[in-house]
Protein backbone atom coordinates (compact mmCIF):
# COMPACT_ATOMS: atom_id res chain seq x y z
CA MET A 1 79.82 -44.24 34.39
CA ALA A 2 81.55 -43.44 37.68
CA GLN A 3 79.44 -43.20 40.80
CA SER A 4 80.14 -39.47 41.15
CA ASP A 5 79.04 -38.95 37.54
CA GLN A 6 75.85 -40.92 38.23
CA VAL A 7 75.11 -38.87 41.35
CA ASN A 8 75.74 -35.65 39.43
CA ALA A 9 73.47 -36.79 36.57
CA GLU A 10 70.70 -37.69 39.03
CA ARG A 11 71.01 -34.29 40.69
CA LEU A 12 70.80 -32.53 37.35
CA VAL A 13 67.74 -34.52 36.33
CA ALA A 14 66.05 -33.66 39.63
CA GLU A 15 66.88 -29.97 39.16
CA LEU A 16 65.50 -30.05 35.63
CA GLU A 17 62.28 -31.65 36.86
CA GLN A 18 61.96 -28.95 39.52
CA ALA A 19 62.56 -26.20 36.97
CA GLU A 20 59.97 -27.69 34.61
CA ALA A 21 57.39 -27.88 37.40
CA TYR A 22 58.19 -24.28 38.34
CA GLU A 23 57.76 -23.13 34.74
CA GLN A 24 54.46 -24.98 34.46
CA ARG A 25 53.19 -23.34 37.65
CA LEU A 26 54.14 -19.87 36.39
CA ARG A 27 52.42 -20.52 33.06
CA GLN A 28 49.27 -21.56 34.93
CA ILE A 29 49.36 -18.36 36.97
CA ILE A 30 49.66 -16.33 33.76
CA LEU A 31 46.58 -18.04 32.33
CA GLU A 32 44.59 -17.48 35.52
CA VAL A 33 45.58 -13.81 35.67
CA ARG A 34 44.68 -13.37 32.01
CA ASP A 35 41.24 -14.88 32.71
CA GLN A 36 40.71 -12.53 35.64
CA LEU A 37 41.68 -9.52 33.54
CA ALA A 38 39.37 -10.61 30.72
CA ALA A 39 36.55 -10.88 33.24
CA GLY A 40 37.26 -7.36 34.47
CA ASN A 41 38.51 -8.53 37.87
CA HIS A 42 41.53 -6.25 38.01
CA ALA A 43 41.91 -6.39 41.78
CA ALA A 44 41.89 -10.19 41.76
CA ALA A 45 44.45 -10.23 38.91
CA LEU A 46 46.71 -7.83 40.79
CA SER A 47 46.44 -9.94 43.93
CA MET A 48 47.35 -13.05 41.95
CA LEU A 49 50.35 -11.29 40.42
CA ASN A 50 51.52 -10.18 43.86
CA ALA A 51 51.20 -13.77 45.09
CA ALA A 52 53.16 -14.96 42.03
CA LEU A 53 55.95 -12.47 42.72
CA ASN A 54 56.10 -13.68 46.30
CA GLU A 55 56.30 -17.27 45.07
CA ILE A 56 59.10 -16.32 42.65
CA ASP A 57 61.03 -14.67 45.49
CA CYS A 58 60.63 -17.81 47.60
CA GLN A 59 61.72 -20.16 44.80
CA THR A 60 65.03 -18.62 43.78
CA ASP A 61 66.77 -21.88 44.67
CA VAL A 62 64.97 -23.47 41.71
CA VAL A 63 66.27 -20.79 39.37
CA VAL A 64 69.75 -20.36 40.85
CA HIS A 65 71.52 -23.44 42.15
CA ARG A 66 73.08 -22.93 45.56
CA GLY A 67 75.66 -25.32 46.72
């Protein structure tokens, strides 16, 4: 494998790992929000969803590769 291919493969693996971690974090937020809603804590759930949306806005580089 050529060095440029190796570098490209390593970059893709790193991006995949970042995307997987991002997905895992979003799934955890969903579970936490669901728990808050089940407990009747609607304000807390809404606050958590707003924080999640802010996190999503800040993490667009994980979803959309730039560069």
